[in-house]
């Protein structure tokens, strides 16, 4: 055989071998990303499919109650989780044996225990005094589902695939239930309760595996250790609450400045932004186990990984932004399940908002690894401080509206907030690096 051909074949074989070797090394991360992406896509699609059903079959007043109760449920879930999922993934990747992992899982459950009962008591109190209290009762399963949320363990151990598949099945069943009861007077209650119940059942299936249930009582930390963990996590949950309040305060203030049509359109667009954030966070969560290893090796390795992942995220979000800007009617048609009897004024407002938020996914994506860096560096005070500063920006924007800022600026709020997040987190990270 010709020596040139032999060399070419050997080179080709070597290249294929190297590719297979790299694939073997990085396959856990690749499969992790695919599974997490599937998980978050199914959650986002579920969220976007429920809204059109409620728009068409629930009264505007009940729809408003749905958004308020759901927003409260998300806020209460942030309190229950208490930042434990963010730190536990990192700690699990640093653990050297199964006993250390079991201790981390037990401590994760323990740090959620007292916030859970605080959230339950607050929810029951609101449900008791509110004339719409039944809808707050409906979010209780959501809180207990968050208490036993196993995603931190499944993500760190690259075991999220089965969870993602079962999640799709449960989401489909819940969506079918909501559609089946679409003409029921209690459609909003059914939507909230069934969603939380479905997530609770899903998480319960993985409780024994993720929390080492056979050893949970022997590994449960003492009260002094729990208080220490709560103190550590307070700054993290504080950031989560401030981030949620940035949007909640704006939604609560909107009725004073905006028409009902704008409120409805903005509610839909807000859920679309939430779905984009879920996708970006899914990517970040998939990268986090590898990022932990790179971060431990040194700042240069971390910066190289961060630059690489930011490029990938930026490319994907620029493409998404172009679609949002140039094809808003197509996006709306998909979101509203092709319904043709939607109010023309609503469609016009939603189209305008879609164009205004086209850059928002990119801003979210470029900031997600800044957040990861603060967590990896355990700069929890900086993390909390960044959330407070952005919340201040949100409050100032609302204040300027009361002082006479033109109403046409309302649609720029998501862009302003996400842009402020990107700048503030970047400056804080630069400050931390210079002081290191």
Protein backbone atom coordinates (compact mmCIF):
# COMPACT_ATOMS: atom_id res chain seq x y z
CA UNK A 1 0.00 0.00 0.00
CA UNK A 2 1.21 3.51 -0.75
CA UNK A 3 3.07 5.00 2.25
CA UNK A 4 1.12 8.28 1.89
CA UNK A 5 -2.16 6.41 2.07
CA UNK A 6 -0.94 4.48 5.12
CA UNK A 7 0.06 7.68 6.87
CA UNK A 8 -3.32 9.23 6.04
CA UNK A 9 -5.16 6.22 7.41
CA UNK A 10 -3.05 6.21 10.57
CA UNK A 11 -3.62 9.93 11.01
CA UNK A 12 -7.34 9.48 10.49
CA UNK A 13 -7.42 6.58 12.96
CA UNK A 14 -5.47 8.64 15.50
CA UNK A 15 -7.86 11.56 15.06
CA UNK A 16 -10.88 9.30 15.53
CA UNK A 17 -9.25 7.73 18.59
CA UNK A 18 -8.57 11.14 20.08
CA UNK A 19 -12.16 12.21 19.38
CA UNK A 20 -13.53 9.08 21.06
CA UNK A 21 -11.23 9.64 24.03
CA UNK A 22 -12.40 13.23 24.39
CA UNK A 23 -16.02 12.12 24.01
CA UNK A 24 -15.50 9.56 26.76
CA UNK A 25 -14.04 12.24 29.02
CA UNK A 26 -16.70 14.87 28.34
CA UNK A 27 -19.71 12.63 27.76
CA UNK A 28 -20.98 13.04 31.36
CA UNK A 29 -21.08 16.81 30.87
CA UNK A 30 -22.67 16.49 27.43
CA UNK A 31 -25.32 14.04 28.61
CA UNK A 32 -25.86 16.15 31.72
CA UNK A 33 -26.48 19.22 29.60
CA UNK A 34 -28.88 17.32 27.32
CA UNK A 35 -30.83 15.93 30.28
CA UNK A 36 -31.00 19.28 32.08
CA UNK A 37 -31.96 21.01 28.86
CA UNK A 38 -34.74 18.47 28.35
CA UNK A 39 -35.88 19.02 31.94
CA UNK A 40 -36.04 22.80 31.60
CA UNK A 41 -37.53 22.72 28.11
CA UNK A 42 -40.37 20.54 29.38
CA UNK A 43 -40.91 22.90 32.34
CA UNK A 44 -40.85 25.96 30.09
CA UNK A 45 -43.18 24.41 27.51
CA UNK A 46 -45.56 23.38 30.28
CA UNK A 47 -45.59 26.93 31.62
CA UNK A 48 -46.18 28.40 28.17
CA UNK A 49 -48.95 25.91 27.32
CA UNK A 50 -50.88 26.47 30.55
CA UNK A 51 -51.14 30.24 30.05
CA UNK A 52 -53.15 30.12 26.77
CA UNK A 53 -55.59 27.65 28.37
CA UNK A 54 -56.13 29.98 31.32
CA UNK A 55 -56.39 33.05 29.06
CA UNK A 56 -59.19 31.46 27.07
CA UNK A 57 -61.12 29.70 29.85
CA UNK A 58 -60.60 31.75 33.04
CA UNK A 59 -61.95 35.21 33.81
CA UNK A 60 -59.44 38.11 33.83
CA UNK A 61 -59.87 38.51 37.60
CA UNK A 62 -59.10 34.84 38.27
CA UNK A 63 -56.20 34.96 35.84
CA UNK A 64 -54.76 37.84 37.82
CA UNK A 65 -55.17 35.82 41.03
CA UNK A 66 -53.34 32.93 39.35
CA UNK A 67 -50.30 35.09 38.54
CA UNK A 68 -50.23 36.60 42.03
CA UNK A 69 -50.57 33.23 43.80
CA UNK A 70 -47.99 31.65 41.51
CA UNK A 71 -45.59 34.55 42.09
CA UNK A 72 -46.03 34.14 45.85
CA UNK A 73 -45.48 30.38 45.49
CA UNK A 74 -42.20 30.93 43.66
CA UNK A 75 -41.09 33.41 46.33
CA UNK A 76 -42.00 30.97 49.13
CA UNK A 77 -40.16 28.17 47.29
CA UNK A 78 -37.02 30.32 47.17
CA UNK A 79 -37.33 30.67 50.94
CA UNK A 80 -37.79 26.90 51.39
CA UNK A 81 -34.79 26.01 49.22
CA UNK A 82 -32.74 28.60 51.13
CA UNK A 83 -29.97 28.64 48.54
CA UNK A 84 -29.10 25.01 49.34
CA UNK A 85 -29.27 23.73 45.75
CA UNK A 86 -26.69 26.26 44.57
CA UNK A 87 -24.08 25.38 47.19
CA UNK A 88 -24.77 21.63 47.43
CA UNK A 89 -23.79 20.92 43.81
CA UNK A 90 -20.38 22.51 44.39
CA UNK A 91 -19.87 20.71 47.71
CA UNK A 92 -20.85 17.34 46.27
CA UNK A 93 -18.34 17.69 43.44
CA UNK A 94 -15.64 18.42 46.03
CA UNK A 95 -16.62 15.45 48.24
CA UNK A 96 -14.09 12.60 48.25
CA UNK A 97 -16.29 9.69 49.38
CA UNK A 98 -19.88 8.52 49.77
CA UNK A 99 -20.03 9.35 53.48
CA UNK A 100 -19.19 13.01 52.78
CA UNK A 101 -21.89 13.09 50.09
CA UNK A 102 -24.44 11.61 52.51
CA UNK A 103 -23.57 14.28 55.10
CA UNK A 104 -23.97 17.05 52.49
CA UNK A 105 -27.38 15.70 51.45
CA UNK A 106 -28.53 15.47 55.07
CA UNK A 107 -27.39 19.03 55.74
CA UNK A 108 -29.15 20.22 52.59
CA UNK A 109 -32.44 18.79 53.85
CA UNK A 110 -31.82 20.14 57.35
CA UNK A 111 -31.18 23.70 56.17
CA UNK A 112 -34.54 23.61 54.36
CA UNK A 113 -36.51 22.29 57.36
CA UNK A 114 -37.14 25.48 59.34
CA UNK A 115 -37.68 27.71 56.27
CA UNK A 116 -40.26 25.15 55.07
CA UNK A 117 -42.40 25.52 58.18
CA UNK A 118 -41.96 29.29 58.16
CA UNK A 119 -43.21 29.37 54.56
CA UNK A 120 -46.13 27.03 55.39
CA UNK A 121 -47.22 29.16 58.37
CA UNK A 122 -47.02 32.38 56.33
CA UNK A 123 -48.98 30.77 53.47
CA UNK A 124 -51.68 29.46 55.81
CA UNK A 125 -51.91 32.90 57.45
CA UNK A 126 -52.41 34.64 54.11
CA UNK A 127 -54.89 31.97 53.01
CA UNK A 128 -56.89 32.47 56.20
CA UNK A 129 -57.23 36.26 55.99
CA UNK A 130 -57.52 36.60 52.19
CA UNK A 131 -60.84 36.37 50.36
CA UNK A 132 -58.91 34.40 47.69
CA UNK A 133 -57.34 32.15 50.32
CA UNK A 134 -58.18 28.90 48.56
CA UNK A 135 -55.61 29.70 45.88
CA UNK A 136 -52.88 30.07 48.50
CA UNK A 137 -53.81 26.68 49.94
CA UNK A 138 -53.26 25.33 46.43
CA UNK A 139 -49.55 26.20 46.45
CA UNK A 140 -48.75 24.15 49.58
CA UNK A 141 -47.74 21.05 47.55
CA UNK A 142 -45.27 23.29 45.70
CA UNK A 143 -43.54 24.12 49.00
CA UNK A 144 -43.24 20.50 50.11
CA UNK A 145 -41.99 19.58 46.63
CA UNK A 146 -39.20 22.16 47.00
CA UNK A 147 -38.30 20.78 50.43
CA UNK A 148 -37.42 17.38 48.93
CA UNK A 149 -36.13 18.72 45.60
CA UNK A 150 -33.31 16.28 44.62
CA UNK A 151 -31.96 18.11 41.57
CA UNK A 152 -28.78 19.24 43.36
CA UNK A 153 -27.70 15.62 43.91
CA UNK A 154 -28.81 14.29 40.54
CA UNK A 155 -27.01 17.14 38.77
CA UNK A 156 -23.75 16.74 40.69
CA UNK A 157 -23.77 12.95 40.23
CA UNK A 158 -24.76 13.04 36.53
CA UNK A 159 -27.97 11.10 37.23
CA UNK A 160 -30.56 13.60 36.01
CA UNK A 161 -31.70 11.72 32.86
CA UNK A 162 -34.37 9.48 34.44
CA UNK A 163 -35.66 12.43 36.47
CA UNK A 164 -36.02 14.47 33.25
CA UNK A 165 -37.94 11.74 31.45
CA UNK A 166 -40.37 11.16 34.33
CA UNK A 167 -40.80 14.94 34.63
CA UNK A 168 -42.00 15.10 31.01
CA UNK A 169 -44.56 12.35 31.68
CA UNK A 170 -45.87 14.06 34.84
CA UNK A 171 -45.97 17.48 33.18
CA UNK A 172 -47.99 16.01 30.31
CA UNK A 173 -50.43 14.39 32.75
CA UNK A 174 -50.84 17.67 34.68
CA UNK A 175 -51.37 19.61 31.45
CA UNK A 176 -53.97 17.06 30.38
CA UNK A 177 -55.71 17.42 33.75
CA UNK A 178 -55.83 21.21 33.44
CA UNK A 179 -57.23 20.99 29.91
CA UNK A 180 -59.80 18.38 30.97
CA UNK A 181 -61.10 20.74 33.68
CA UNK A 182 -60.83 23.85 31.48
CA UNK A 183 -64.54 24.66 31.87
CA UNK A 184 -64.55 24.07 35.61
CA UNK A 185 -65.12 27.06 37.92
CA UNK A 186 -62.09 25.94 39.96
CA UNK A 187 -59.72 25.85 36.98
CA UNK A 188 -57.20 28.19 38.66
CA UNK A 189 -57.14 26.12 41.87
CA UNK A 190 -56.77 22.91 39.85
CA UNK A 191 -53.89 24.42 37.84
CA UNK A 192 -51.96 25.52 40.92
CA UNK A 193 -52.64 22.43 43.04
CA UNK A 194 -52.02 19.82 40.32
CA UNK A 195 -48.74 21.48 39.27
CA UNK A 196 -47.40 21.39 42.84
CA UNK A 197 -48.69 17.88 43.48
CA UNK A 198 -47.05 16.57 40.30
CA UNK A 199 -43.68 18.03 41.31
CA UNK A 200 -44.02 16.60 44.83
CA UNK A 201 -44.67 13.09 43.50
CA UNK A 202 -41.72 13.39 41.10
CA UNK A 203 -39.31 14.52 43.80
CA UNK A 204 -40.58 11.87 46.23
CA UNK A 205 -39.54 9.15 43.76
CA UNK A 206 -35.90 10.24 44.10
CA UNK A 207 -35.89 11.05 47.83
CA UNK A 208 -34.29 7.80 49.00
CA UNK A 209 -31.51 8.00 46.42
CA UNK A 210 -30.67 11.70 46.79
CA UNK A 211 -30.94 12.09 50.55
CA UNK A 212 -29.52 8.70 51.61
CA UNK A 213 -32.79 8.02 53.41
CA UNK A 214 -31.46 4.94 55.23
CA UNK A 215 -28.93 7.12 57.07
CA UNK A 216 -30.80 10.43 57.25
CA UNK A 217 -31.50 10.24 60.99
CA UNK A 218 -27.94 9.33 61.99
CA UNK A 219 -26.42 12.03 59.74
CA UNK A 220 -28.90 14.78 60.62
CA UNK A 221 -26.84 17.75 61.90
CA UNK A 222 -27.29 19.10 65.40
CA UNK A 223 -29.06 22.39 66.04
CA UNK A 224 -25.81 24.36 66.32
CA UNK A 225 -24.69 23.09 62.90
CA UNK A 226 -28.08 23.90 61.36
CA UNK A 227 -27.90 27.47 62.65
CA UNK A 228 -24.38 27.80 61.19
CA UNK A 229 -25.66 26.51 57.82
CA UNK A 230 -28.61 28.91 57.91
CA UNK A 231 -26.26 31.83 58.58
CA UNK A 232 -24.11 30.81 55.61
CA UNK A 233 -27.09 30.45 53.30
CA UNK A 234 -28.92 33.59 54.42
CA UNK A 235 -27.01 35.78 51.97
CA UNK A 236 -27.72 33.37 49.10
CA UNK A 237 -31.46 33.17 49.76
CA UNK A 238 -31.43 36.93 50.26
CA UNK A 239 -30.14 37.34 46.72
CA UNK A 240 -32.81 34.96 45.40
CA UNK A 241 -35.56 36.93 47.12
CA UNK A 242 -34.25 40.30 45.91
CA UNK A 243 -34.07 38.96 42.34
CA UNK A 244 -37.66 37.77 42.56
CA UNK A 245 -38.79 41.06 44.10
CA UNK A 246 -37.29 42.99 41.18
CA UNK A 247 -40.02 41.56 38.98
CA UNK A 248 -42.77 41.21 41.59
CA UNK A 249 -42.60 44.87 42.66
CA UNK A 250 -42.90 45.96 39.04
CA UNK A 251 -45.90 43.69 38.47
CA UNK A 252 -47.60 45.03 41.60
CA UNK A 253 -46.92 48.64 40.49
CA UNK A 254 -48.04 48.18 36.87
CA UNK A 255 -51.82 48.61 37.41
CA UNK A 256 -51.18 52.24 38.43
CA UNK A 257 -49.63 53.06 35.06
CA UNK A 258 -50.68 50.51 32.46
CA UNK A 259 -53.87 49.41 30.76
CA UNK A 260 -55.34 45.94 31.26
CA UNK A 261 -54.21 45.04 27.74
CA UNK A 262 -50.60 45.95 28.57
CA UNK A 263 -50.82 43.97 31.81
CA UNK A 264 -51.99 40.85 29.97
CA UNK A 265 -49.36 41.22 27.26
CA UNK A 266 -46.60 41.87 29.77
CA UNK A 267 -47.67 38.84 31.82
CA UNK A 268 -47.21 36.63 28.76
CA UNK A 269 -43.86 38.19 27.86
CA UNK A 270 -42.69 37.87 31.46
CA UNK A 271 -43.32 34.11 31.32
CA UNK A 272 -41.35 33.94 28.07
CA UNK A 273 -38.41 35.70 29.75
CA UNK A 274 -38.71 33.25 32.66
CA UNK A 275 -38.53 30.37 30.18
CA UNK A 276 -35.38 31.84 28.61
CA UNK A 277 -33.86 32.18 32.06
CA UNK A 278 -34.70 28.54 32.80
CA UNK A 279 -32.83 27.46 29.65
CA UNK A 280 -29.77 29.52 30.51
CA UNK A 281 -29.79 28.25 34.09
CA UNK A 282 -30.06 24.69 32.78
CA UNK A 283 -26.89 25.21 30.78
CA UNK A 284 -25.16 26.79 33.78
CA UNK A 285 -26.20 23.89 36.03
CA UNK A 286 -24.86 21.38 33.49
CA UNK A 287 -21.52 23.19 33.33
CA UNK A 288 -21.27 23.71 37.11
CA UNK A 289 -19.80 20.28 38.04
CA UNK A 290 -17.02 20.71 35.46
CA UNK A 291 -16.65 24.38 36.40
CA UNK A 292 -16.03 23.35 40.02
CA UNK A 293 -13.10 21.19 38.94
CA UNK A 294 -11.68 23.88 36.67
CA UNK A 295 -12.06 26.49 39.40
CA UNK A 296 -10.12 24.32 41.87
CA UNK A 297 -7.23 24.07 39.39
CA UNK A 298 -6.77 27.83 39.26
CA UNK A 299 -8.15 31.13 38.04
CA UNK A 300 -6.71 30.79 34.53
CA UNK A 301 -8.49 27.49 33.89
CA UNK A 302 -11.74 28.98 35.18
CA UNK A 303 -11.44 32.08 33.02
CA UNK A 304 -10.74 29.96 29.95
CA UNK A 305 -13.82 27.82 30.61
CA UNK A 306 -15.95 30.90 31.33
CA UNK A 307 -14.89 32.59 28.09
CA UNK A 308 -15.63 29.45 26.10
CA UNK A 309 -19.07 28.92 27.65
CA UNK A 310 -19.99 32.61 27.33
CA UNK A 311 -19.25 32.41 23.61
CA UNK A 312 -21.57 29.43 23.20
CA UNK A 313 -24.34 31.05 25.22
CA UNK A 314 -23.95 34.38 23.42
CA UNK A 315 -24.24 32.76 19.98
CA UNK A 316 -27.39 30.86 20.96
CA UNK A 317 -29.02 33.93 22.54
CA UNK A 318 -28.17 36.24 19.64
CA UNK A 319 -29.96 33.79 17.32
CA UNK A 320 -32.95 33.70 19.68
CA UNK A 321 -32.97 37.50 19.88
CA UNK A 322 -33.05 37.79 16.09
CA UNK A 323 -36.04 35.45 15.96
CA UNK A 324 -37.86 37.45 18.66
CA UNK A 325 -37.22 40.74 16.85
CA UNK A 326 -37.93 39.75 13.26
CA UNK A 327 -40.60 37.06 13.76
CA UNK A 328 -42.70 38.20 16.75
CA UNK A 329 -46.01 37.16 15.15
CA UNK A 330 -44.72 33.60 14.68
CA UNK A 331 -43.65 33.45 18.35
CA UNK A 332 -47.03 34.75 19.50
CA UNK A 333 -48.86 32.29 17.29
CA UNK A 334 -46.91 29.45 18.92
CA UNK A 335 -47.41 30.80 22.44
CA UNK A 336 -51.15 31.24 21.95
CA UNK A 337 -51.55 27.85 20.24
CA UNK A 338 -52.53 29.49 16.96
CA UNK A 339 -55.71 31.03 18.40
CA UNK A 340 -57.17 33.51 15.90
CA UNK A 341 -59.74 35.17 18.19
CA UNK A 342 -57.17 37.04 20.31
CA UNK A 343 -57.75 40.77 20.75
CA UNK A 344 -55.92 42.80 18.08
CA UNK A 345 -54.77 45.42 20.61
CA UNK A 346 -53.29 42.64 22.75
CA UNK A 347 -51.39 41.24 19.76
CA UNK A 348 -50.05 44.69 18.88
CA UNK A 349 -48.82 45.31 22.43
CA UNK A 350 -47.30 41.85 22.75
CA UNK A 351 -45.53 42.26 19.40
CA UNK A 352 -44.00 45.55 20.53
CA UNK A 353 -42.84 44.00 23.81
CA UNK A 354 -41.30 41.01 22.04
CA UNK A 355 -39.13 43.33 19.96
CA UNK A 356 -38.10 45.29 23.06
CA UNK A 357 -36.97 42.17 24.94
CA UNK A 358 -35.01 40.70 22.01
CA UNK A 359 -31.69 41.55 23.72
CA UNK A 360 -32.77 40.30 27.17
CA UNK A 361 -31.82 36.59 26.67
CA UNK A 362 -28.29 37.69 25.72
CA UNK A 363 -27.98 39.86 28.85
CA UNK A 364 -29.19 36.98 31.03
CA UNK A 365 -26.77 34.54 29.40
CA UNK A 366 -23.71 36.76 29.76
CA UNK A 367 -24.37 37.18 33.48
CA UNK A 368 -25.14 33.60 34.50
CA UNK A 369 -21.46 32.59 34.86
CA UNK A 370 -20.74 35.77 36.82
CA UNK A 371 -23.23 34.45 39.37
CA UNK A 372 -21.53 31.04 39.24
CA UNK A 373 -18.13 32.65 39.90
CA UNK A 374 -19.36 34.39 43.05
CA UNK A 375 -20.77 31.09 44.35
CA UNK A 376 -17.60 29.16 43.50
CA UNK A 377 -15.51 31.82 45.24
CA UNK A 378 -17.95 31.73 48.18
CA UNK A 379 -18.34 35.50 47.93
CA UNK A 380 -21.82 35.34 49.43
CA UNK A 381 -21.75 38.91 50.76
CA UNK A 382 -20.94 40.19 47.27
CA UNK A 383 -23.66 37.94 45.85
CA UNK A 384 -26.26 39.37 48.24
CA UNK A 385 -24.98 42.93 47.74
CA UNK A 386 -25.35 42.64 43.97
CA UNK A 387 -28.99 41.57 44.39
CA UNK A 388 -29.68 44.52 46.69
CA UNK A 389 -28.17 47.02 44.24
CA UNK A 390 -30.25 45.67 41.36
CA UNK A 391 -33.35 45.78 43.57
CA UNK A 392 -32.54 49.43 44.26
CA UNK A 393 -32.42 50.05 40.49
CA UNK A 394 -35.89 48.46 40.20
CA UNK A 395 -37.28 50.60 43.03
CA UNK A 396 -35.80 53.77 41.48
CA UNK A 397 -37.37 52.94 38.11
CA UNK A 398 -40.79 52.51 39.74
CA UNK A 399 -40.26 55.74 41.69
CA UNK A 400 -39.47 57.61 38.47
CA UNK A 401 -42.71 56.27 37.01
CA UNK A 402 -44.63 57.80 39.91
CA UNK A 403 -42.72 61.05 39.36
CA UNK A 404 -43.81 61.25 35.72
CA UNK A 405 -41.61 58.99 33.61
CA UNK A 406 -43.49 58.40 30.31
CA UNK A 407 -45.54 55.19 30.18
CA UNK A 408 -43.92 54.08 26.92
CA UNK A 409 -40.79 53.27 28.99
CA UNK A 410 -42.63 50.44 30.77
CA UNK A 411 -41.62 47.97 28.07
CA UNK A 412 -37.94 48.75 28.60
CA UNK A 413 -37.98 47.51 32.20
CA UNK A 414 -36.69 43.96 31.52
CA UNK A 415 -33.83 45.32 29.41
CA UNK A 416 -32.89 47.90 32.06
CA UNK A 417 -32.92 45.38 34.92
CA UNK A 418 -30.97 42.66 33.10
CA UNK A 419 -28.49 45.23 31.80
CA UNK A 420 -28.01 46.55 35.33
CA UNK A 421 -27.47 42.98 36.58
CA UNK A 422 -24.76 42.36 34.00
CA UNK A 423 -22.89 45.60 34.77
CA UNK A 424 -23.20 45.33 38.57
CA UNK A 425 -22.10 41.69 38.80
CA UNK A 426 -19.20 42.36 36.40
CA UNK A 427 -17.96 45.31 38.45
CA UNK A 428 -18.23 43.36 41.71
CA UNK A 429 -16.26 40.44 40.26
CA UNK A 430 -13.56 42.78 38.95
CA UNK A 431 -13.34 44.38 42.38
CA UNK A 432 -13.03 40.97 44.07
CA UNK A 433 -10.30 39.90 41.66
CA UNK A 434 -8.29 43.09 42.20
CA UNK A 435 -8.52 42.65 45.97
CA UNK A 436 -7.62 38.97 45.89
